[in-house]
N, C-alpha and C. Protein backbone atom coordinates (compact mmCIF):
# COMPACT_ATOMS: atom_id res chain seq x y z
N MET A 1 0.32 17.15 -16.86
CA MET A 1 -0.05 15.63 -16.69
C MET A 1 -0.88 15.47 -15.09
N PHE A 2 -1.70 14.89 -14.47
CA PHE A 2 -1.89 14.58 -13.61
C PHE A 2 -2.87 12.81 -13.57
N ALA A 3 -3.02 12.39 -12.18
CA ALA A 3 -3.98 12.07 -11.74
C ALA A 3 -4.51 11.64 -10.92
N ILE A 4 -5.74 11.22 -10.63
CA ILE A 4 -6.20 11.92 -9.18
C ILE A 4 -6.87 10.27 -8.95
N LYS A 5 -6.86 10.03 -7.37
CA LYS A 5 -7.39 8.54 -6.79
C LYS A 5 -8.47 9.09 -5.66
N ALA A 6 -9.72 8.84 -5.95
CA ALA A 6 -10.47 9.32 -5.14
C ALA A 6 -11.92 8.32 -5.44
N GLU A 7 -12.74 8.73 -4.43
CA GLU A 7 -14.00 7.97 -4.23
C GLU A 7 -15.08 7.92 -5.70
N VAL A 8 -15.31 7.32 -6.32
CA VAL A 8 -16.34 7.29 -7.49
C VAL A 8 -17.34 6.08 -7.97
N SER A 9 -18.52 7.03 -7.52
CA SER A 9 -19.69 6.68 -7.24
C SER A 9 -20.01 5.84 -8.95
N ASP A 10 -20.26 6.62 -9.73
CA ASP A 10 -20.44 5.93 -11.28
C ASP A 10 -19.17 5.61 -12.30
N PRO A 11 -18.52 5.03 -11.83
CA PRO A 11 -17.14 4.52 -13.13
C PRO A 11 -17.65 4.79 -14.38
N CYS A 12 -18.59 5.01 -15.38
CA CYS A 12 -18.59 5.40 -16.51
C CYS A 12 -19.58 5.96 -16.56
N ALA A 13 -19.81 7.28 -15.77
CA ALA A 13 -20.25 8.70 -16.53
C ALA A 13 -18.99 9.12 -17.20
N GLU A 14 -20.17 10.37 -17.99
CA GLU A 14 -19.35 11.01 -19.12
C GLU A 14 -18.45 12.14 -18.15
N THR A 15 -19.22 12.89 -17.12
CA THR A 15 -17.97 13.69 -16.10
C THR A 15 -18.26 13.14 -14.92
N PHE A 16 -17.01 14.07 -13.96
CA PHE A 16 -16.87 13.37 -12.85
C PHE A 16 -16.72 14.45 -11.84
N ALA A 17 -16.93 15.17 -10.85
CA ALA A 17 -16.82 16.33 -10.20
C ALA A 17 -15.92 15.44 -8.54
N PHE A 18 -15.09 15.89 -8.74
CA PHE A 18 -14.39 15.70 -7.20
C PHE A 18 -14.28 17.48 -6.09
N SER A 19 -14.81 16.95 -5.67
CA SER A 19 -14.71 18.48 -4.25
C SER A 19 -13.49 17.87 -3.32
N ALA A 20 -12.84 19.51 -3.15
CA ALA A 20 -12.08 19.82 -1.87
C ALA A 20 -11.01 18.55 -2.03
N GLN A 21 -10.28 18.08 -3.29
CA GLN A 21 -9.48 16.81 -3.17
C GLN A 21 -7.93 17.41 -2.22
N LYS A 22 -7.61 16.47 -1.83
CA LYS A 22 -6.44 16.85 -0.93
C LYS A 22 -5.25 16.81 -2.71
N THR A 23 -4.20 17.83 -2.56
CA THR A 23 -3.43 17.49 -3.36
C THR A 23 -1.55 17.09 -3.32
N MET A 24 -0.98 16.57 -3.66
CA MET A 24 0.16 16.31 -3.49
C MET A 24 1.09 16.23 -4.87
N TYR A 25 2.77 16.68 -4.70
CA TYR A 25 3.58 16.15 -5.74
C TYR A 25 3.00 16.87 -7.05
N SER A 26 2.84 18.14 -6.84
CA SER A 26 2.50 19.73 -7.61
C SER A 26 0.83 19.24 -8.19
N GLY A 27 0.12 18.43 -7.98
CA GLY A 27 -1.18 18.65 -8.09
C GLY A 27 -1.94 19.82 -7.81
N LYS A 28 -1.39 20.77 -7.01
CA LYS A 28 -2.40 22.06 -7.05
C LYS A 28 -2.12 22.64 -7.91
N GLN A 29 -1.32 22.15 -9.07
CA GLN A 29 -1.29 22.96 -10.30
C GLN A 29 -2.08 22.59 -11.21
N ILE A 30 -2.78 22.04 -11.13
CA ILE A 30 -4.04 21.27 -11.86
C ILE A 30 -5.17 22.54 -12.42
N ALA A 31 -5.32 22.86 -13.75
CA ALA A 31 -5.86 23.67 -14.91
C ALA A 31 -6.58 23.27 -15.67
N LYS A 32 -7.36 24.05 -16.21
CA LYS A 32 -8.42 23.69 -16.99
C LYS A 32 -7.41 23.35 -18.77
N GLY A 33 -8.30 22.13 -19.18
CA GLY A 33 -7.87 22.00 -19.94
C GLY A 33 -6.67 20.25 -19.88
N ASP A 34 -6.08 20.57 -18.55
CA ASP A 34 -5.07 19.28 -18.45
C ASP A 34 -5.49 17.94 -18.36
N THR A 35 -4.93 16.45 -19.13
CA THR A 35 -4.95 15.32 -19.37
C THR A 35 -5.09 14.72 -17.77
N THR A 36 -5.95 14.56 -16.83
CA THR A 36 -6.52 13.46 -16.04
C THR A 36 -6.21 12.34 -16.08
N PHE A 37 -6.13 11.43 -15.51
CA PHE A 37 -6.49 9.57 -15.11
C PHE A 37 -6.79 9.83 -13.63
N VAL A 38 -8.02 8.85 -13.78
CA VAL A 38 -9.35 8.60 -12.45
C VAL A 38 -8.18 7.10 -12.01
N PHE A 39 -8.21 7.27 -10.72
CA PHE A 39 -8.57 5.82 -10.24
C PHE A 39 -8.95 5.92 -9.19
N ALA A 40 -10.10 4.85 -9.21
CA ALA A 40 -11.46 4.80 -8.09
C ALA A 40 -10.59 4.28 -6.80
N SER A 41 -10.54 4.88 -6.27
CA SER A 41 -9.87 4.15 -4.79
C SER A 41 -10.66 3.24 -4.13
N GLU A 42 -9.70 2.31 -4.04
CA GLU A 42 -9.94 1.00 -3.30
C GLU A 42 -10.18 0.88 -1.99
N ASN A 43 -10.10 2.05 -1.50
CA ASN A 43 -10.29 2.31 -0.21
C ASN A 43 -11.97 2.45 0.10
N GLU A 44 -12.71 2.88 -1.60
CA GLU A 44 -13.72 2.49 -0.63
C GLU A 44 -14.61 1.82 -2.03
N GLY A 45 -13.73 0.30 -1.94
CA GLY A 45 -14.41 -0.48 -2.63
C GLY A 45 -14.58 0.05 -4.79
N GLY A 46 -13.49 0.84 -5.08
CA GLY A 46 -13.28 1.00 -6.27
C GLY A 46 -12.24 0.06 -7.21
N PRO A 47 -11.75 -0.59 -8.70
CA PRO A 47 -11.25 -1.51 -9.28
C PRO A 47 -9.67 -0.58 -9.40
N GLY A 48 -9.46 0.89 -8.92
CA GLY A 48 -8.09 1.16 -9.72
C GLY A 48 -8.20 2.35 -10.23
N LEU A 49 -7.08 2.27 -11.35
CA LEU A 49 -7.48 3.08 -12.96
C LEU A 49 -8.85 2.74 -14.13
N ILE A 50 -9.72 3.88 -14.03
CA ILE A 50 -10.89 3.70 -14.69
C ILE A 50 -11.43 4.23 -15.73
N ALA A 51 -10.76 5.54 -15.96
CA ALA A 51 -10.56 6.39 -16.75
C ALA A 51 -9.75 7.59 -16.80
N GLY A 52 -9.56 8.06 -18.31
CA GLY A 52 -8.82 9.00 -18.11
C GLY A 52 -9.98 10.51 -19.34
N GLY A 53 -9.27 11.95 -18.61
CA GLY A 53 -10.19 12.61 -19.45
C GLY A 53 -9.69 14.13 -19.19
N VAL A 54 -10.11 15.40 -19.51
CA VAL A 54 -9.95 16.80 -19.71
C VAL A 54 -10.61 17.65 -18.18
N VAL A 55 -9.87 18.32 -17.33
CA VAL A 55 -10.24 18.86 -16.54
C VAL A 55 -11.14 20.05 -17.59
N THR A 56 -12.18 20.08 -16.81
CA THR A 56 -13.40 21.58 -17.71
C THR A 56 -13.05 22.51 -16.13
N SER A 57 -12.69 22.33 -15.41
CA SER A 57 -12.97 23.90 -14.46
C SER A 57 -11.84 23.39 -13.09
N THR A 58 -11.41 24.15 -12.84
CA THR A 58 -10.66 23.91 -10.90
C THR A 58 -11.35 25.30 -10.40
N LYS A 59 -10.88 25.07 -8.95
CA LYS A 59 -11.11 25.98 -8.34
C LYS A 59 -10.59 25.58 -6.59
N ALA A 60 -9.42 26.32 -6.87
CA ALA A 60 -8.46 26.54 -4.90
C ALA A 60 -9.61 26.81 -3.95
N ILE A 61 -9.57 25.73 -3.10
CA ILE A 61 -9.95 25.69 -1.84
C ILE A 61 -8.61 27.02 -0.54
N ALA A 62 -9.67 27.60 -0.01
CA ALA A 62 -9.00 28.54 0.68
C ALA A 62 -8.61 27.47 2.30
N LYS A 63 -7.44 27.78 2.20
CA LYS A 63 -7.15 27.37 3.93
C LYS A 63 -7.64 28.32 4.74
N LYS A 64 -7.83 27.19 5.78
CA LYS A 64 -8.95 27.21 7.11
C LYS A 64 -7.81 28.14 8.01
N ARG A 65 -8.54 29.54 8.27
CA ARG A 65 -7.39 29.53 9.55
C ARG A 65 -6.99 29.14 10.78
N GLY A 66 -5.71 29.58 11.41
CA GLY A 66 -6.02 28.73 12.91
C GLY A 66 -4.73 27.50 12.96
N ILE A 67 -4.89 26.99 11.88
CA ILE A 67 -4.20 25.17 11.44
C ILE A 67 -2.78 25.64 10.61
N ALA A 68 -2.12 25.52 11.28
CA ALA A 68 -0.53 25.86 10.87
C ALA A 68 0.01 24.90 9.51
N ARG A 69 -0.56 24.12 9.60
CA ARG A 69 0.17 22.82 8.16
C ARG A 69 -1.34 22.52 7.58
N GLN A 70 -1.93 22.32 6.47
CA GLN A 70 -2.55 22.08 6.12
C GLN A 70 -2.51 21.70 4.23
N THR A 71 -2.87 20.11 3.97
CA THR A 71 -2.55 20.11 2.65
C THR A 71 -3.19 21.60 1.17
N PRO A 72 -3.19 21.94 0.72
CA PRO A 72 -3.82 22.51 -0.02
C PRO A 72 -4.74 21.85 -0.46
N ARG A 73 -5.96 21.96 -1.09
CA ARG A 73 -7.08 21.58 -1.64
C ARG A 73 -8.06 22.05 -3.00
N VAL A 74 -8.37 21.19 -3.65
CA VAL A 74 -8.77 21.85 -5.09
C VAL A 74 -10.00 21.38 -5.41
N SER A 75 -10.76 21.51 -5.85
CA SER A 75 -12.29 20.81 -6.24
C SER A 75 -12.28 21.06 -7.95
N ILE A 76 -12.52 19.90 -8.79
CA ILE A 76 -12.05 20.09 -10.23
C ILE A 76 -13.41 19.08 -10.15
N THR A 77 -13.52 19.67 -12.01
CA THR A 77 -14.89 18.93 -12.72
C THR A 77 -13.77 17.81 -14.16
N MET A 78 -14.69 17.24 -14.66
CA MET A 78 -13.81 16.82 -15.40
C MET A 78 -14.56 16.01 -16.67
N ARG A 79 -14.45 15.99 -17.67
CA ARG A 79 -14.90 15.49 -19.26
C ARG A 79 -14.43 13.68 -19.18
N ARG A 80 -14.57 12.69 -19.33
CA ARG A 80 -14.48 11.56 -19.37
C ARG A 80 -13.82 11.45 -21.03
N THR A 81 -12.60 10.93 -21.04
CA THR A 81 -12.80 10.60 -22.72
C THR A 81 -12.08 9.17 -23.19
N ALA A 82 -11.76 8.20 -21.99
CA ALA A 82 -11.59 7.22 -22.33
C ALA A 82 -11.82 5.87 -21.02
N LEU A 83 -12.48 5.20 -20.88
CA LEU A 83 -12.53 4.40 -20.32
C LEU A 83 -11.40 3.12 -19.94
N ALA A 84 -10.85 2.88 -19.16
CA ALA A 84 -9.82 2.26 -19.06
C ALA A 84 -9.90 0.25 -19.46
N LYS A 85 -9.03 -0.20 -20.65
CA LYS A 85 -9.34 -1.69 -20.78
C LYS A 85 -9.15 -2.24 -20.16
N ARG A 86 -7.31 -2.17 -19.03
CA ARG A 86 -7.16 -3.25 -18.53
C ARG A 86 -7.40 -2.72 -16.85
N ARG A 87 -6.60 -3.77 -16.08
CA ARG A 87 -7.10 -3.29 -14.54
C ARG A 87 -5.71 -3.04 -14.00
N LEU A 88 -5.55 -1.78 -13.64
CA LEU A 88 -4.25 -1.24 -13.07
C LEU A 88 -4.44 -0.83 -11.25
N GLY A 89 -4.52 -1.71 -10.50
CA GLY A 89 -5.12 -1.21 -9.26
C GLY A 89 -3.62 -1.57 -8.29
N ARG A 90 -3.99 -0.93 -6.72
CA ARG A 90 -2.77 -2.04 -6.12
C ARG A 90 -2.37 -2.98 -6.23
N SER A 91 -2.84 -4.11 -6.14
CA SER A 91 -2.13 -5.42 -6.35
C SER A 91 -1.61 -5.26 -7.60
N GLU A 92 -1.65 -4.87 -8.59
CA GLU A 92 -0.55 -4.95 -9.72
C GLU A 92 0.21 -3.75 -9.42
N LEU A 93 0.43 -2.59 -9.00
CA LEU A 93 1.49 -2.17 -8.59
C LEU A 93 2.26 -2.27 -7.10
N ARG A 94 2.14 -3.07 -6.49
CA ARG A 94 2.68 -3.12 -5.09
C ARG A 94 4.04 -4.30 -4.96
N VAL A 95 4.03 -4.51 -6.55
CA VAL A 95 5.63 -5.11 -6.21
C VAL A 95 6.18 -4.12 -6.80
N PHE A 96 6.33 -3.13 -7.52
CA PHE A 96 7.31 -1.74 -8.17
C PHE A 96 7.40 -0.97 -6.17
N SER A 97 8.53 -1.33 -5.45
CA SER A 97 8.58 -0.49 -4.83
C SER A 97 10.02 -0.31 -4.10
N ASP A 98 10.65 -0.24 -5.44
CA ASP A 98 12.40 0.09 -5.57
C ASP A 98 12.18 1.36 -5.59
N TRP A 99 11.90 2.44 -4.69
CA TRP A 99 11.98 4.08 -4.39
C TRP A 99 12.61 4.11 -5.80
N LYS A 100 13.88 3.84 -5.94
CA LYS A 100 14.82 4.33 -6.66
C LYS A 100 14.96 4.31 -7.94
N ASP A 101 14.15 3.21 -8.67
CA ASP A 101 14.34 2.59 -10.22
C ASP A 101 13.92 3.53 -11.21
N SER A 102 13.17 4.75 -11.04
CA SER A 102 12.54 5.24 -11.90
C SER A 102 11.38 4.78 -12.98
N ARG A 103 11.55 3.83 -12.71
CA ARG A 103 9.97 2.96 -13.68
C ARG A 103 8.82 3.61 -13.45
N PRO A 104 7.78 4.15 -14.07
CA PRO A 104 6.58 4.84 -14.09
C PRO A 104 5.89 3.77 -12.48
N GLU A 105 5.58 2.99 -13.28
CA GLU A 105 4.87 1.45 -12.85
C GLU A 105 4.91 2.18 -10.58
N THR A 106 6.18 2.22 -10.56
CA THR A 106 7.27 2.78 -9.01
C THR A 106 6.63 4.09 -8.62
N GLU A 107 6.81 4.77 -9.30
CA GLU A 107 6.00 6.12 -9.47
C GLU A 107 5.01 6.08 -8.80
N LEU A 108 3.59 5.91 -9.99
CA LEU A 108 2.21 5.31 -9.37
C LEU A 108 2.30 4.93 -8.28
N ASN A 109 2.96 4.41 -7.59
CA ASN A 109 2.71 2.83 -6.40
C ASN A 109 3.18 3.97 -5.33
N PHE A 110 4.00 4.67 -5.47
CA PHE A 110 4.62 5.68 -4.27
C PHE A 110 3.89 6.88 -3.77
N LYS A 111 3.18 7.30 -5.49
CA LYS A 111 2.33 8.64 -4.99
C LYS A 111 0.82 8.09 -4.85
N PHE A 112 0.33 7.08 -4.96
CA PHE A 112 -1.16 6.59 -4.65
C PHE A 112 -1.41 5.67 -3.84
N TYR A 113 -0.08 4.74 -3.79
CA TYR A 113 -0.60 3.90 -2.92
C TYR A 113 0.63 3.10 -1.43
N ARG A 114 1.46 4.25 -1.56
CA ARG A 114 2.42 4.22 -0.31
C ARG A 114 0.94 4.81 0.98
N GLN A 115 1.01 5.69 0.77
CA GLN A 115 -0.62 6.39 1.51
C GLN A 115 -1.84 5.65 1.12
N ALA A 116 -3.03 6.06 2.26
CA ALA A 116 -4.32 5.66 1.39
C ALA A 116 -4.45 6.31 1.33
N THR A 117 -4.41 7.70 1.07
CA THR A 117 -5.23 8.78 1.62
C THR A 117 -5.52 8.97 -0.30
N ASN A 118 -6.63 10.09 -0.51
CA ASN A 118 -7.26 9.87 -1.89
C ASN A 118 -5.99 11.32 -1.87
N LYS A 119 -6.59 11.33 -3.37
CA LYS A 119 -5.60 12.71 -3.47
C LYS A 119 -5.17 13.25 -5.25
N ILE A 120 -5.26 14.25 -6.21
CA ILE A 120 -4.77 14.84 -7.48
C ILE A 120 -3.18 14.66 -6.78
N ALA A 121 -2.55 14.24 -7.63
CA ALA A 121 -0.92 14.19 -7.87
C ALA A 121 -0.64 14.52 -9.52
N GLY A 122 0.15 15.22 -9.42
CA GLY A 122 1.16 15.69 -10.52
C GLY A 122 1.73 14.45 -10.60
N ILE A 123 1.83 13.88 -12.41
CA ILE A 123 2.45 13.01 -12.39
C ILE A 123 3.70 13.01 -13.84
N SER A 124 4.85 12.20 -14.05
CA SER A 124 5.59 12.36 -15.08
C SER A 124 5.11 12.10 -16.89
N ASP A 125 5.87 12.16 -16.89
CA ASP A 125 5.37 11.71 -18.90
C ASP A 125 5.55 10.51 -19.37
N GLN A 126 6.74 9.77 -18.41
CA GLN A 126 6.86 8.73 -18.20
C GLN A 126 5.66 8.32 -17.95
N ALA A 127 5.41 8.68 -16.87
CA ALA A 127 4.20 7.77 -15.74
C ALA A 127 2.50 8.00 -17.02
N ALA A 128 2.49 9.36 -17.98
CA ALA A 128 1.39 9.35 -18.42
C ALA A 128 1.20 8.78 -19.65
N ALA A 129 2.41 8.24 -20.00
CA ALA A 129 2.37 7.25 -21.03
C ALA A 129 2.66 6.10 -20.51
N PHE A 130 3.03 5.27 -19.91
CA PHE A 130 2.76 4.18 -19.06
C PHE A 130 0.56 3.96 -19.08
N LEU A 131 0.40 5.06 -18.84
CA LEU A 131 -1.30 4.82 -17.79
C LEU A 131 -1.63 4.68 -19.38
N ARG A 132 -1.76 5.58 -20.88
CA ARG A 132 -2.05 5.66 -21.51
C ARG A 132 -2.27 3.55 -22.23
N GLY A 133 -1.27 3.22 -21.95
CA GLY A 133 -1.56 1.90 -22.22
C GLY A 133 -2.42 1.26 -22.00
N PHE A 134 -3.39 1.73 -21.27
CA PHE A 134 -4.26 1.07 -20.71
C PHE A 134 -5.84 1.40 -21.31
N PHE A 135 -5.48 2.08 -22.46
CA PHE A 135 -6.70 2.32 -22.87
C PHE A 135 -7.03 2.47 -24.18
């Protein structure tokens, strides 16, 4: 299971395309057919969790020569299968900051809101089950 936090221009679109997205927490392993949750980045005016869907294509982006440390990047397209019915964003997850409590809310806060960067990240089965409750 994966989640992506990125700029989303049309939250109700049937398909989403995300180009050259940073990956963290095993996000570079995303593949066609994977379930993915979409967070519209609040840094770009989005509300947080907006949709769930299935990846329809992926393409790894080659690293640039001469740069020692680079975050792996991936382009993906996905088909939306559900729209979020309840809000889940930075303000709802902010209170979950005990990094060792093993809660799915804490995992999501740690992976998506501890750093402001947009990214694709692998998430646990518990976090995915928690997110399914918003659809």
